[in-house]
Amino acid sequence: MDLAVHGQSSAGDGEPSGVLVVDPPLDLRAPALARQQVAGHGAAHAPDRAREAVDEAVPLVSELVTNALRYGAAPLTLRVRVRSNGIHVGVSDASRHLPVVAPSPLTGVPRRDEAC
């Protein structure tokens, strides 16, 4: 499985961790690989008080990467930064369009879980 890791650097601000930037492959492996990267990076860098936040971030990353694959444009980038009190995760894609909430086919009212 190919996963491009662009770099890992020290936070440089007294924080115990670095920043991990990866480009997941543009296929069905991406969510699982993103989960593995967040869990592994979190386990390596998070202090005990941030472990719960890392555990909670893992399934969220899977959803973010899945949505970026489904609605965004290549390339995708996953950024992970573990802080002393939690974790910051970002998923970006190359699309120039902001997400739009689609109306429900049943009611015509926009629903939060129906983005397009």
N, C-alpha and C. Protein backbone atom coordinates (compact mmCIF):
# COMPACT_ATOMS: atom_id res chain seq x y z
N MET A 1 0.84 -1.18 0.00
CA MET A 1 0.00 0.00 0.00
C MET A 1 0.89 1.24 0.00
N ASP A 2 0.66 2.10 -0.94
CA ASP A 2 1.45 3.32 -1.04
C ASP A 2 0.80 4.44 -0.24
N LEU A 3 1.63 5.08 0.54
CA LEU A 3 1.17 6.23 1.31
C LEU A 3 2.34 7.20 1.35
N ALA A 4 2.17 8.34 0.71
CA ALA A 4 3.26 9.31 0.66
C ALA A 4 3.28 10.11 1.95
N VAL A 5 4.37 9.99 2.70
CA VAL A 5 4.55 10.78 3.91
C VAL A 5 5.50 11.91 3.56
N HIS A 6 4.99 13.14 3.62
CA HIS A 6 5.78 14.29 3.19
C HIS A 6 6.74 14.79 4.24
N GLY A 7 6.45 14.56 5.47
CA GLY A 7 7.40 15.03 6.45
C GLY A 7 6.84 15.01 7.84
N GLN A 8 7.75 15.04 8.75
CA GLN A 8 7.39 15.08 10.15
C GLN A 8 8.39 16.03 10.77
N SER A 9 7.90 17.03 11.44
CA SER A 9 8.81 18.00 12.02
C SER A 9 8.45 18.27 13.46
N SER A 10 9.38 18.79 14.17
CA SER A 10 9.12 19.15 15.55
C SER A 10 8.19 20.34 15.60
N ALA A 11 7.32 20.36 16.58
CA ALA A 11 6.38 21.47 16.71
C ALA A 11 7.13 22.77 16.99
N GLY A 12 8.24 22.71 17.67
CA GLY A 12 9.07 23.87 17.91
C GLY A 12 8.51 24.88 18.91
N ASP A 13 7.42 24.53 19.56
CA ASP A 13 6.81 25.47 20.49
C ASP A 13 6.64 24.85 21.87
N GLY A 14 7.50 23.90 22.19
CA GLY A 14 7.42 23.26 23.49
C GLY A 14 6.44 22.11 23.54
N GLU A 15 5.74 21.85 22.44
CA GLU A 15 4.79 20.75 22.39
C GLU A 15 5.56 19.44 22.23
N PRO A 16 4.97 18.33 22.69
CA PRO A 16 5.69 17.07 22.69
C PRO A 16 5.70 16.34 21.37
N SER A 17 5.15 16.91 20.30
CA SER A 17 5.01 16.14 19.08
C SER A 17 5.39 16.94 17.86
N GLY A 18 5.28 16.27 16.72
CA GLY A 18 5.53 16.89 15.45
C GLY A 18 4.29 16.95 14.62
N VAL A 19 4.49 17.27 13.36
CA VAL A 19 3.39 17.36 12.41
C VAL A 19 3.61 16.27 11.38
N LEU A 20 2.57 15.55 11.08
CA LEU A 20 2.62 14.49 10.08
C LEU A 20 1.75 14.93 8.91
N VAL A 21 2.30 14.89 7.71
CA VAL A 21 1.55 15.25 6.51
C VAL A 21 1.64 14.07 5.55
N VAL A 22 0.51 13.54 5.16
CA VAL A 22 0.50 12.38 4.26
C VAL A 22 -0.50 12.61 3.13
N ASP A 23 -0.24 11.98 2.00
CA ASP A 23 -1.17 11.95 0.89
C ASP A 23 -1.70 10.54 0.75
N PRO A 24 -2.93 10.29 1.20
CA PRO A 24 -3.47 8.94 1.05
C PRO A 24 -3.71 8.62 -0.42
N PRO A 25 -3.67 7.35 -0.79
CA PRO A 25 -3.98 6.98 -2.17
C PRO A 25 -5.44 7.30 -2.47
N LEU A 26 -5.73 7.52 -3.72
CA LEU A 26 -7.09 7.89 -4.12
C LEU A 26 -7.90 6.64 -4.45
N ASP A 27 -8.06 5.78 -3.48
CA ASP A 27 -8.87 4.60 -3.68
C ASP A 27 -9.46 4.17 -2.34
N LEU A 28 -10.07 3.02 -2.30
CA LEU A 28 -10.78 2.57 -1.11
C LEU A 28 -9.87 2.30 0.08
N ARG A 29 -8.56 2.23 -0.12
CA ARG A 29 -7.63 2.02 1.00
C ARG A 29 -7.43 3.28 1.82
N ALA A 30 -7.74 4.44 1.27
CA ALA A 30 -7.40 5.71 1.91
C ALA A 30 -7.96 5.87 3.32
N PRO A 31 -9.25 5.60 3.58
CA PRO A 31 -9.75 5.78 4.95
C PRO A 31 -9.02 4.90 5.97
N ALA A 32 -8.76 3.64 5.62
CA ALA A 32 -8.07 2.75 6.55
C ALA A 32 -6.63 3.20 6.78
N LEU A 33 -5.96 3.62 5.72
CA LEU A 33 -4.58 4.09 5.87
C LEU A 33 -4.54 5.38 6.69
N ALA A 34 -5.51 6.25 6.50
CA ALA A 34 -5.56 7.48 7.29
C ALA A 34 -5.77 7.16 8.77
N ARG A 35 -6.68 6.22 9.06
CA ARG A 35 -6.89 5.80 10.46
C ARG A 35 -5.59 5.27 11.06
N GLN A 36 -4.87 4.45 10.31
CA GLN A 36 -3.62 3.89 10.80
C GLN A 36 -2.59 4.99 11.07
N GLN A 37 -2.51 5.98 10.19
CA GLN A 37 -1.54 7.05 10.38
C GLN A 37 -1.86 7.88 11.62
N VAL A 38 -3.14 8.20 11.81
CA VAL A 38 -3.52 8.99 12.99
C VAL A 38 -3.27 8.20 14.26
N ALA A 39 -3.68 6.94 14.27
CA ALA A 39 -3.48 6.11 15.47
C ALA A 39 -1.99 5.94 15.75
N GLY A 40 -1.19 5.67 14.74
CA GLY A 40 0.24 5.46 14.94
C GLY A 40 0.96 6.73 15.36
N HIS A 41 0.65 7.83 14.71
CA HIS A 41 1.28 9.10 15.06
C HIS A 41 0.86 9.53 16.46
N GLY A 42 -0.41 9.34 16.77
CA GLY A 42 -0.90 9.68 18.10
C GLY A 42 -0.26 8.84 19.18
N ALA A 43 -0.13 7.55 18.93
CA ALA A 43 0.49 6.66 19.92
C ALA A 43 1.95 7.03 20.15
N ALA A 44 2.62 7.46 19.09
CA ALA A 44 4.03 7.80 19.21
C ALA A 44 4.28 9.14 19.88
N HIS A 45 3.33 10.07 19.77
CA HIS A 45 3.59 11.44 20.20
C HIS A 45 2.68 11.99 21.30
N ALA A 46 1.53 11.40 21.49
CA ALA A 46 0.57 11.99 22.44
C ALA A 46 0.92 11.66 23.88
N PRO A 47 0.89 12.68 24.74
CA PRO A 47 1.03 12.39 26.17
C PRO A 47 -0.24 11.69 26.64
N ASP A 48 -0.19 11.08 27.81
CA ASP A 48 -1.32 10.31 28.31
C ASP A 48 -2.63 11.10 28.30
N ARG A 49 -2.59 12.38 28.67
CA ARG A 49 -3.83 13.16 28.75
C ARG A 49 -4.45 13.44 27.38
N ALA A 50 -3.71 13.19 26.30
CA ALA A 50 -4.25 13.42 24.95
C ALA A 50 -4.65 12.13 24.25
N ARG A 51 -4.41 10.98 24.88
CA ARG A 51 -4.71 9.69 24.23
C ARG A 51 -6.18 9.52 23.89
N GLU A 52 -7.06 9.99 24.76
CA GLU A 52 -8.50 9.86 24.49
C GLU A 52 -8.88 10.66 23.25
N ALA A 53 -8.32 11.84 23.11
CA ALA A 53 -8.61 12.65 21.93
C ALA A 53 -8.12 11.97 20.66
N VAL A 54 -6.98 11.33 20.71
CA VAL A 54 -6.46 10.59 19.56
C VAL A 54 -7.41 9.45 19.22
N ASP A 55 -7.85 8.70 20.22
CA ASP A 55 -8.78 7.59 19.98
C ASP A 55 -10.08 8.08 19.35
N GLU A 56 -10.57 9.23 19.77
CA GLU A 56 -11.79 9.79 19.21
C GLU A 56 -11.58 10.32 17.80
N ALA A 57 -10.38 10.76 17.48
CA ALA A 57 -10.10 11.32 16.16
C ALA A 57 -10.01 10.26 15.08
N VAL A 58 -9.64 9.04 15.43
CA VAL A 58 -9.42 8.00 14.43
C VAL A 58 -10.65 7.75 13.55
N PRO A 59 -11.84 7.49 14.09
CA PRO A 59 -12.99 7.28 13.19
C PRO A 59 -13.42 8.57 12.47
N LEU A 60 -13.19 9.71 13.07
CA LEU A 60 -13.53 10.97 12.40
C LEU A 60 -12.67 11.18 11.16
N VAL A 61 -11.40 10.82 11.25
CA VAL A 61 -10.50 10.94 10.11
C VAL A 61 -11.00 10.07 8.96
N SER A 62 -11.46 8.89 9.28
CA SER A 62 -11.98 8.00 8.26
C SER A 62 -13.14 8.66 7.50
N GLU A 63 -14.04 9.29 8.23
CA GLU A 63 -15.18 9.98 7.60
C GLU A 63 -14.72 11.16 6.75
N LEU A 64 -13.77 11.95 7.27
CA LEU A 64 -13.28 13.10 6.51
C LEU A 64 -12.60 12.68 5.21
N VAL A 65 -11.79 11.63 5.28
CA VAL A 65 -11.10 11.15 4.08
C VAL A 65 -12.11 10.56 3.09
N THR A 66 -13.09 9.82 3.59
CA THR A 66 -14.12 9.26 2.72
C THR A 66 -14.88 10.37 2.01
N ASN A 67 -15.26 11.42 2.74
CA ASN A 67 -15.96 12.55 2.12
C ASN A 67 -15.09 13.26 1.10
N ALA A 68 -13.81 13.44 1.40
CA ALA A 68 -12.91 14.09 0.45
C ALA A 68 -12.77 13.26 -0.82
N LEU A 69 -12.70 11.94 -0.68
CA LEU A 69 -12.64 11.06 -1.85
C LEU A 69 -13.92 11.15 -2.66
N ARG A 70 -15.03 11.17 -1.97
CA ARG A 70 -16.33 11.14 -2.64
C ARG A 70 -16.69 12.46 -3.30
N TYR A 71 -16.40 13.57 -2.64
CA TYR A 71 -16.87 14.87 -3.12
C TYR A 71 -15.76 15.82 -3.54
N GLY A 72 -14.51 15.52 -3.21
CA GLY A 72 -13.43 16.46 -3.48
C GLY A 72 -12.68 16.12 -4.76
N ALA A 73 -11.49 16.69 -4.86
CA ALA A 73 -10.63 16.48 -6.03
C ALA A 73 -9.22 16.14 -5.55
N ALA A 74 -8.54 15.34 -6.33
CA ALA A 74 -7.17 14.94 -6.00
C ALA A 74 -6.23 16.15 -6.12
N PRO A 75 -5.16 16.16 -5.36
CA PRO A 75 -4.76 15.21 -4.33
C PRO A 75 -5.42 15.51 -2.98
N LEU A 76 -5.46 14.50 -2.15
CA LEU A 76 -5.92 14.66 -0.77
C LEU A 76 -4.70 14.76 0.13
N THR A 77 -4.83 15.54 1.18
CA THR A 77 -3.74 15.66 2.15
C THR A 77 -4.31 15.52 3.55
N LEU A 78 -3.66 14.73 4.36
CA LEU A 78 -4.01 14.53 5.76
C LEU A 78 -2.90 15.14 6.60
N ARG A 79 -3.29 16.04 7.51
CA ARG A 79 -2.31 16.65 8.42
C ARG A 79 -2.70 16.29 9.85
N VAL A 80 -1.73 15.83 10.61
CA VAL A 80 -1.95 15.42 11.99
C VAL A 80 -0.94 16.14 12.88
N ARG A 81 -1.44 16.81 13.89
CA ARG A 81 -0.54 17.44 14.86
C ARG A 81 -1.06 17.11 16.25
N VAL A 82 -0.24 16.41 17.00
CA VAL A 82 -0.59 16.05 18.37
C VAL A 82 -0.07 17.15 19.27
N ARG A 83 -0.96 17.65 20.11
CA ARG A 83 -0.61 18.69 21.06
C ARG A 83 -0.61 18.09 22.47
N SER A 84 -0.19 18.87 23.43
CA SER A 84 -0.13 18.36 24.80
C SER A 84 -1.51 18.06 25.37
N ASN A 85 -2.54 18.72 24.83
CA ASN A 85 -3.89 18.53 25.37
C ASN A 85 -4.87 17.94 24.36
N GLY A 86 -4.39 17.49 23.21
CA GLY A 86 -5.31 16.92 22.23
C GLY A 86 -4.62 16.71 20.89
N ILE A 87 -5.43 16.69 19.85
CA ILE A 87 -4.93 16.42 18.50
C ILE A 87 -5.64 17.33 17.52
N HIS A 88 -4.93 17.78 16.52
CA HIS A 88 -5.52 18.58 15.44
C HIS A 88 -5.34 17.78 14.16
N VAL A 89 -6.45 17.51 13.48
CA VAL A 89 -6.43 16.74 12.25
C VAL A 89 -7.10 17.56 11.16
N GLY A 90 -6.49 17.60 10.00
CA GLY A 90 -7.08 18.29 8.86
C GLY A 90 -7.00 17.43 7.63
N VAL A 91 -8.05 17.43 6.85
CA VAL A 91 -8.07 16.74 5.57
C VAL A 91 -8.43 17.78 4.53
N SER A 92 -7.62 17.87 3.50
CA SER A 92 -7.91 18.83 2.45
C SER A 92 -7.83 18.15 1.09
N ASP A 93 -8.47 18.76 0.12
CA ASP A 93 -8.40 18.27 -1.25
C ASP A 93 -8.19 19.48 -2.16
N ALA A 94 -8.04 19.24 -3.43
CA ALA A 94 -7.71 20.30 -4.38
C ALA A 94 -8.93 20.98 -4.99
N SER A 95 -10.12 20.59 -4.59
CA SER A 95 -11.32 21.20 -5.15
C SER A 95 -11.38 22.69 -4.80
N ARG A 96 -11.80 23.50 -5.74
CA ARG A 96 -11.95 24.93 -5.50
C ARG A 96 -13.37 25.27 -5.04
N HIS A 97 -14.22 24.27 -4.96
CA HIS A 97 -15.62 24.48 -4.60
C HIS A 97 -15.86 24.15 -3.13
N LEU A 98 -16.59 24.99 -2.44
CA LEU A 98 -16.97 24.72 -1.07
C LEU A 98 -18.09 23.68 -1.05
N PRO A 99 -18.17 22.88 0.00
CA PRO A 99 -19.25 21.90 0.10
C PRO A 99 -20.61 22.59 0.12
N VAL A 100 -21.58 21.93 -0.45
CA VAL A 100 -22.95 22.45 -0.50
C VAL A 100 -23.87 21.41 0.13
N VAL A 101 -24.78 21.87 0.96
CA VAL A 101 -25.75 20.96 1.57
C VAL A 101 -26.92 20.80 0.60
N ALA A 102 -27.20 19.56 0.26
CA ALA A 102 -28.28 19.26 -0.67
C ALA A 102 -29.61 19.16 0.07
N PRO A 103 -30.70 19.58 -0.58
CA PRO A 103 -32.01 19.41 0.06
C PRO A 103 -32.40 17.94 0.11
N SER A 104 -33.15 17.60 1.13
CA SER A 104 -33.64 16.24 1.27
C SER A 104 -34.63 15.95 0.15
N PRO A 105 -34.54 14.78 -0.48
CA PRO A 105 -35.51 14.44 -1.53
C PRO A 105 -36.93 14.28 -0.98
N LEU A 106 -37.05 14.06 0.32
CA LEU A 106 -38.38 13.86 0.92
C LEU A 106 -39.04 15.18 1.32
N THR A 107 -38.25 16.10 1.86
CA THR A 107 -38.84 17.33 2.40
C THR A 107 -38.42 18.59 1.66
N GLY A 108 -37.33 18.53 0.89
CA GLY A 108 -36.82 19.72 0.23
C GLY A 108 -36.01 20.61 1.14
N VAL A 109 -35.92 20.23 2.41
CA VAL A 109 -35.17 21.02 3.40
C VAL A 109 -33.75 20.47 3.46
N PRO A 110 -32.74 21.36 3.44
CA PRO A 110 -31.35 20.87 3.54
C PRO A 110 -31.13 20.09 4.83
N ARG A 111 -30.41 18.98 4.68
CA ARG A 111 -30.04 18.16 5.83
C ARG A 111 -28.54 18.16 5.98
N ARG A 112 -28.07 18.12 7.20
CA ARG A 112 -26.64 18.18 7.46
C ARG A 112 -25.90 16.97 6.94
N ASP A 113 -26.54 15.82 6.85
CA ASP A 113 -25.84 14.60 6.43
C ASP A 113 -25.95 14.34 4.93
N GLU A 114 -26.43 15.31 4.16
CA GLU A 114 -26.59 15.11 2.73
C GLU A 114 -25.81 16.18 1.96
N ALA A 115 -24.51 16.19 2.12
CA ALA A 115 -23.69 17.16 1.38
C ALA A 115 -23.43 16.63 -0.02
N CYS A 116 -23.21 17.54 -0.92
CA CYS A 116 -22.85 17.13 -2.29
C CYS A 116 -21.74 17.99 -2.82
